[in-house]
N, C-alpha and C. Protein backbone atom coordinates (compact mmCIF):
# COMPACT_ATOMS: atom_id res chain seq x y z
N UNK A 1 75.08 97.38 -251.33
CA UNK A 1 74.36 98.38 -250.24
C UNK A 1 73.17 98.89 -251.39
N UNK A 2 72.11 98.81 -250.97
CA UNK A 2 70.74 99.43 -251.49
C UNK A 2 70.51 100.52 -250.97
N UNK A 3 70.51 101.10 -250.05
CA UNK A 3 70.16 102.39 -249.54
C UNK A 3 69.08 102.16 -249.15
N UNK A 4 68.41 101.02 -248.79
CA UNK A 4 67.44 100.64 -247.98
C UNK A 4 67.21 101.02 -246.60
N UNK A 5 66.35 102.21 -246.25
CA UNK A 5 66.30 102.87 -245.33
C UNK A 5 64.83 102.05 -244.23
N UNK A 6 64.94 101.10 -243.59
CA UNK A 6 63.56 100.46 -242.67
C UNK A 6 63.02 100.99 -241.90
N UNK A 7 61.95 100.84 -242.37
CA UNK A 7 60.74 101.59 -241.13
C UNK A 7 59.59 100.03 -241.32
N UNK A 8 59.97 99.54 -239.78
CA UNK A 8 59.17 98.13 -239.83
C UNK A 8 57.54 98.46 -239.23
N UNK A 9 56.85 97.65 -239.98
CA UNK A 9 55.41 98.33 -239.39
C UNK A 9 54.90 96.84 -239.13
N UNK A 10 53.20 96.78 -238.40
CA UNK A 10 52.99 95.74 -238.43
C UNK A 10 52.00 95.47 -239.71
N UNK A 11 52.08 93.86 -240.19
CA UNK A 11 51.58 93.78 -241.64
C UNK A 11 50.21 94.29 -241.52
N UNK A 12 49.27 93.97 -240.13
CA UNK A 12 48.00 94.87 -240.41
C UNK A 12 47.81 96.10 -240.51
N UNK A 13 49.03 96.77 -240.33
CA UNK A 13 48.69 98.30 -240.68
C UNK A 13 49.02 98.67 -242.35
N UNK A 14 49.83 97.61 -242.92
CA UNK A 14 50.37 97.83 -244.24
C UNK A 14 49.32 97.66 -245.40
N UNK A 15 49.31 98.58 -246.30
CA UNK A 15 48.26 98.68 -247.35
C UNK A 15 48.71 98.70 -248.53
N UNK A 16 48.37 97.57 -249.58
CA UNK A 16 49.24 97.69 -250.95
C UNK A 16 48.50 98.20 -251.68
N UNK A 17 48.85 99.42 -252.27
CA UNK A 17 47.68 99.74 -253.29
C UNK A 17 48.23 99.33 -254.73
N UNK A 18 49.16 98.60 -255.01
CA UNK A 18 49.48 97.87 -256.50
C UNK A 18 49.02 96.54 -256.37
N UNK A 19 48.43 96.06 -257.31
CA UNK A 19 48.36 94.60 -257.78
C UNK A 19 49.48 93.58 -257.35
N UNK A 20 49.09 92.97 -256.62
CA UNK A 20 49.93 91.73 -256.54
C UNK A 20 51.07 91.37 -257.63
N UNK A 21 50.33 91.33 -258.74
CA UNK A 21 50.60 90.91 -260.17
C UNK A 21 52.04 91.49 -260.58
N UNK A 22 52.00 93.10 -260.08
CA UNK A 22 53.23 93.99 -260.88
C UNK A 22 54.22 93.66 -259.84
N UNK A 23 54.25 92.71 -258.75
CA UNK A 23 55.28 92.72 -258.07
C UNK A 23 56.23 91.18 -258.53
N UNK A 24 57.49 91.32 -257.82
CA UNK A 24 58.53 90.02 -258.28
C UNK A 24 58.95 89.90 -256.97
N UNK A 25 59.49 88.57 -256.65
CA UNK A 25 59.70 88.06 -255.17
C UNK A 25 61.14 87.37 -255.45
N UNK A 26 62.00 87.57 -254.29
CA UNK A 26 63.25 86.71 -254.17
C UNK A 26 63.38 86.36 -253.02
N UNK A 27 63.97 85.28 -252.56
CA UNK A 27 64.54 84.64 -251.38
C UNK A 27 65.78 84.50 -251.07
N UNK A 28 66.62 84.57 -250.43
CA UNK A 28 68.02 84.02 -250.55
C UNK A 28 68.42 83.57 -248.77
N UNK A 29 69.88 82.86 -249.08
CA UNK A 29 70.24 82.44 -247.75
C UNK A 29 69.02 81.84 -247.26
N UNK A 30 68.50 81.85 -245.83
CA UNK A 30 67.58 81.35 -244.96
C UNK A 30 66.22 80.88 -245.85
N UNK A 31 66.14 81.48 -246.87
CA UNK A 31 64.70 82.09 -247.47
C UNK A 31 63.54 82.10 -246.95
N UNK A 32 64.01 82.67 -245.72
CA UNK A 32 62.26 83.17 -244.86
C UNK A 32 61.85 84.24 -245.36
N UNK A 33 62.99 85.61 -245.33
CA UNK A 33 62.54 86.88 -245.99
C UNK A 33 61.81 86.85 -247.24
N UNK A 34 60.92 87.40 -247.30
CA UNK A 34 60.30 87.68 -248.54
C UNK A 34 60.35 89.02 -249.55
N UNK A 35 61.57 89.01 -250.06
CA UNK A 35 62.00 90.26 -250.68
C UNK A 35 61.23 90.62 -252.13
N UNK A 36 60.41 91.62 -251.89
CA UNK A 36 59.43 92.28 -252.87
C UNK A 36 59.83 93.59 -253.66
N UNK A 37 59.82 93.58 -255.42
CA UNK A 37 60.03 94.47 -255.67
C UNK A 37 59.29 94.55 -256.88
N UNK A 38 59.27 95.68 -257.71
CA UNK A 38 58.26 96.58 -258.66
C UNK A 38 58.80 95.71 -259.93
N UNK A 39 58.15 94.83 -260.91
CA UNK A 39 58.34 94.02 -261.64
C UNK A 39 58.79 94.86 -263.01
N UNK A 40 58.49 96.41 -263.07
CA UNK A 40 58.56 96.90 -263.84
C UNK A 40 59.85 97.72 -263.67
N UNK A 41 60.11 98.51 -262.47
CA UNK A 41 61.47 99.34 -262.65
C UNK A 41 62.35 98.93 -261.58
N UNK A 42 61.79 97.77 -261.23
CA UNK A 42 63.07 97.09 -259.88
C UNK A 42 63.21 97.63 -258.65
N UNK A 43 62.40 98.79 -258.21
CA UNK A 43 62.78 99.19 -257.03
C UNK A 43 62.28 98.21 -256.11
N UNK A 44 62.69 98.35 -254.71
CA UNK A 44 62.44 97.35 -253.71
C UNK A 44 62.07 98.42 -252.45
N UNK A 45 60.57 98.49 -252.56
CA UNK A 45 59.98 99.54 -251.55
C UNK A 45 59.64 99.30 -250.35
N UNK A 46 59.31 97.89 -250.04
CA UNK A 46 59.01 97.08 -249.06
C UNK A 46 59.43 95.34 -249.36
N UNK A 47 59.60 94.79 -247.79
CA UNK A 47 59.66 93.41 -247.69
C UNK A 47 58.96 92.93 -246.20
N UNK A 48 58.98 91.42 -246.64
CA UNK A 48 58.69 90.94 -245.22
C UNK A 48 60.12 90.40 -244.78
N UNK A 49 60.36 90.83 -243.49
CA UNK A 49 61.86 90.53 -242.88
C UNK A 49 61.86 89.32 -242.48
N UNK A 50 62.92 89.17 -241.98
CA UNK A 50 62.85 87.32 -241.31
C UNK A 50 63.08 87.87 -239.65
N UNK A 51 63.38 88.83 -239.58
CA UNK A 51 63.41 89.70 -238.21
C UNK A 51 62.24 90.13 -237.49
N UNK A 52 61.01 90.17 -238.27
CA UNK A 52 59.58 90.52 -238.18
C UNK A 52 58.68 89.74 -239.25
N UNK A 53 58.81 88.45 -238.98
CA UNK A 53 57.60 87.86 -239.75
C UNK A 53 56.34 88.39 -240.08
N UNK A 54 56.07 89.00 -239.23
CA UNK A 54 54.20 89.55 -239.04
C UNK A 54 54.65 91.01 -239.12
N UNK A 55 55.40 91.45 -239.82
CA UNK A 55 55.29 92.77 -240.21
C UNK A 55 55.78 93.30 -241.52
N UNK A 56 55.93 94.43 -241.85
CA UNK A 56 56.75 94.74 -243.45
C UNK A 56 57.91 95.81 -243.01
N UNK A 57 58.89 95.48 -243.53
CA UNK A 57 59.62 96.53 -243.51
C UNK A 57 59.76 97.32 -245.10
N UNK A 58 59.01 98.97 -244.75
CA UNK A 58 59.17 99.61 -245.74
C UNK A 58 60.05 100.81 -245.99
N UNK A 59 60.76 100.88 -247.35
CA UNK A 59 61.78 101.70 -247.60
C UNK A 59 61.38 102.89 -247.07
N UNK A 60 61.90 103.77 -246.33
CA UNK A 60 61.64 105.21 -245.84
C UNK A 60 61.98 106.18 -247.07
N UNK A 61 62.99 105.86 -248.05
CA UNK A 61 63.06 106.80 -249.24
C UNK A 61 62.02 106.43 -250.11
N UNK A 62 61.20 105.48 -250.20
CA UNK A 62 59.85 105.44 -251.04
C UNK A 62 58.81 106.09 -250.45
N UNK A 63 58.78 106.57 -249.56
CA UNK A 63 57.53 107.57 -249.13
C UNK A 63 57.36 109.14 -249.07
N UNK A 64 56.27 109.33 -249.49
CA UNK A 64 56.04 111.14 -249.85
C UNK A 64 56.55 111.83 -248.49
N UNK A 65 57.84 112.64 -248.49
CA UNK A 65 58.20 112.99 -247.21
C UNK A 65 57.02 113.80 -246.44
N UNK A 66 56.23 114.08 -247.11
CA UNK A 66 55.08 115.11 -246.75
C UNK A 66 54.18 114.14 -245.34
N UNK A 67 54.00 113.03 -245.80
CA UNK A 67 53.50 111.94 -244.83
C UNK A 67 54.04 111.70 -243.51
N UNK A 68 55.25 112.12 -243.43
CA UNK A 68 55.98 111.37 -242.34
C UNK A 68 56.00 112.58 -241.19
N UNK A 69 55.69 112.26 -239.97
CA UNK A 69 55.47 113.45 -239.01
C UNK A 69 56.72 113.04 -237.99
N UNK A 70 57.43 112.04 -238.20
CA UNK A 70 58.51 112.02 -237.39
C UNK A 70 59.06 110.38 -237.46
N UNK A 71 60.37 110.21 -236.87
CA UNK A 71 61.00 108.89 -237.02
C UNK A 71 62.34 108.87 -236.11
N UNK A 72 62.42 107.62 -235.62
CA UNK A 72 63.66 107.67 -234.87
C UNK A 72 64.37 106.53 -235.35
N UNK A 73 65.75 106.77 -235.58
CA UNK A 73 66.64 105.90 -236.15
C UNK A 73 67.42 104.71 -235.15
N UNK A 74 67.57 103.46 -235.45
CA UNK A 74 67.71 102.77 -234.22
C UNK A 74 69.16 101.96 -235.15
N UNK A 75 70.44 101.87 -234.71
CA UNK A 75 71.47 101.68 -235.26
C UNK A 75 71.32 100.04 -235.30
N UNK A 76 72.07 99.36 -236.22
CA UNK A 76 71.89 97.65 -236.46
C UNK A 76 72.88 97.42 -237.09
N UNK A 77 73.60 96.29 -236.10
CA UNK A 77 74.95 95.85 -237.18
C UNK A 77 74.50 94.18 -237.79
N UNK A 78 74.30 94.73 -239.10
CA UNK A 78 73.97 93.60 -239.97
C UNK A 78 74.68 92.64 -240.36
N UNK A 79 76.38 92.82 -239.88
CA UNK A 79 77.09 91.84 -240.11
C UNK A 79 77.11 90.80 -239.06
N UNK A 80 76.51 91.32 -237.89
CA UNK A 80 76.37 90.29 -237.07
C UNK A 80 74.91 90.14 -236.58
N UNK A 81 74.00 89.83 -237.81
CA UNK A 81 72.36 89.67 -237.55
C UNK A 81 72.08 89.06 -236.37
N UNK A 82 72.63 87.87 -236.12
CA UNK A 82 71.94 86.77 -234.95
C UNK A 82 72.58 87.53 -234.03
N UNK A 83 73.56 88.35 -233.50
CA UNK A 83 73.73 88.80 -231.94
C UNK A 83 72.85 90.26 -232.03
N UNK A 84 72.59 90.78 -233.05
CA UNK A 84 72.06 92.22 -233.13
C UNK A 84 70.17 92.00 -233.09
N UNK A 85 69.79 90.90 -233.58
CA UNK A 85 68.33 90.89 -233.78
C UNK A 85 67.56 91.31 -232.35
N UNK A 86 68.23 90.70 -231.43
CA UNK A 86 67.49 91.16 -230.02
C UNK A 86 67.01 92.60 -229.60
N UNK A 87 68.03 93.51 -230.12
CA UNK A 87 67.90 94.95 -229.78
C UNK A 87 66.94 95.52 -230.63
N UNK A 88 66.16 94.65 -231.58
CA UNK A 88 65.13 95.10 -232.36
C UNK A 88 63.78 94.86 -231.83
N UNK A 89 63.52 94.03 -230.87
CA UNK A 89 62.84 93.58 -230.32
C UNK A 89 61.33 94.64 -230.22
N UNK A 90 60.24 94.33 -230.72
CA UNK A 90 58.98 95.69 -230.38
C UNK A 90 59.31 96.70 -231.64
N UNK A 91 60.29 96.45 -232.35
CA UNK A 91 60.46 97.68 -233.29
C UNK A 91 59.32 98.04 -234.05
N UNK A 92 58.37 97.06 -234.25
CA UNK A 92 57.16 97.26 -235.43
C UNK A 92 56.23 98.04 -234.87
N UNK A 93 56.49 98.71 -233.64
CA UNK A 93 55.65 99.63 -233.05
C UNK A 93 54.38 99.32 -232.09
N UNK A 94 54.07 97.71 -232.10
CA UNK A 94 52.71 97.30 -231.79
C UNK A 94 53.16 97.12 -230.18
């Protein structure tokens, strides 16, 4: 368990301020999700999820709390991903 708390945003609303060269990538299982992490410290602050390939899943725990004005948590059964994914339709807020 990584403690990653997902906030899925449209890719068009995501701005990466760190140079791409500072990131490392890994893919596993279906190799569809792009898991990105800092090449220096190893923190996984965001990734491109299989469930929302046009979005970015940002780790809320990596955001400055002063920038968050509100949020809603949606429970998700990761053990039964294929059955649960339909419940996230529209989760990018678009």
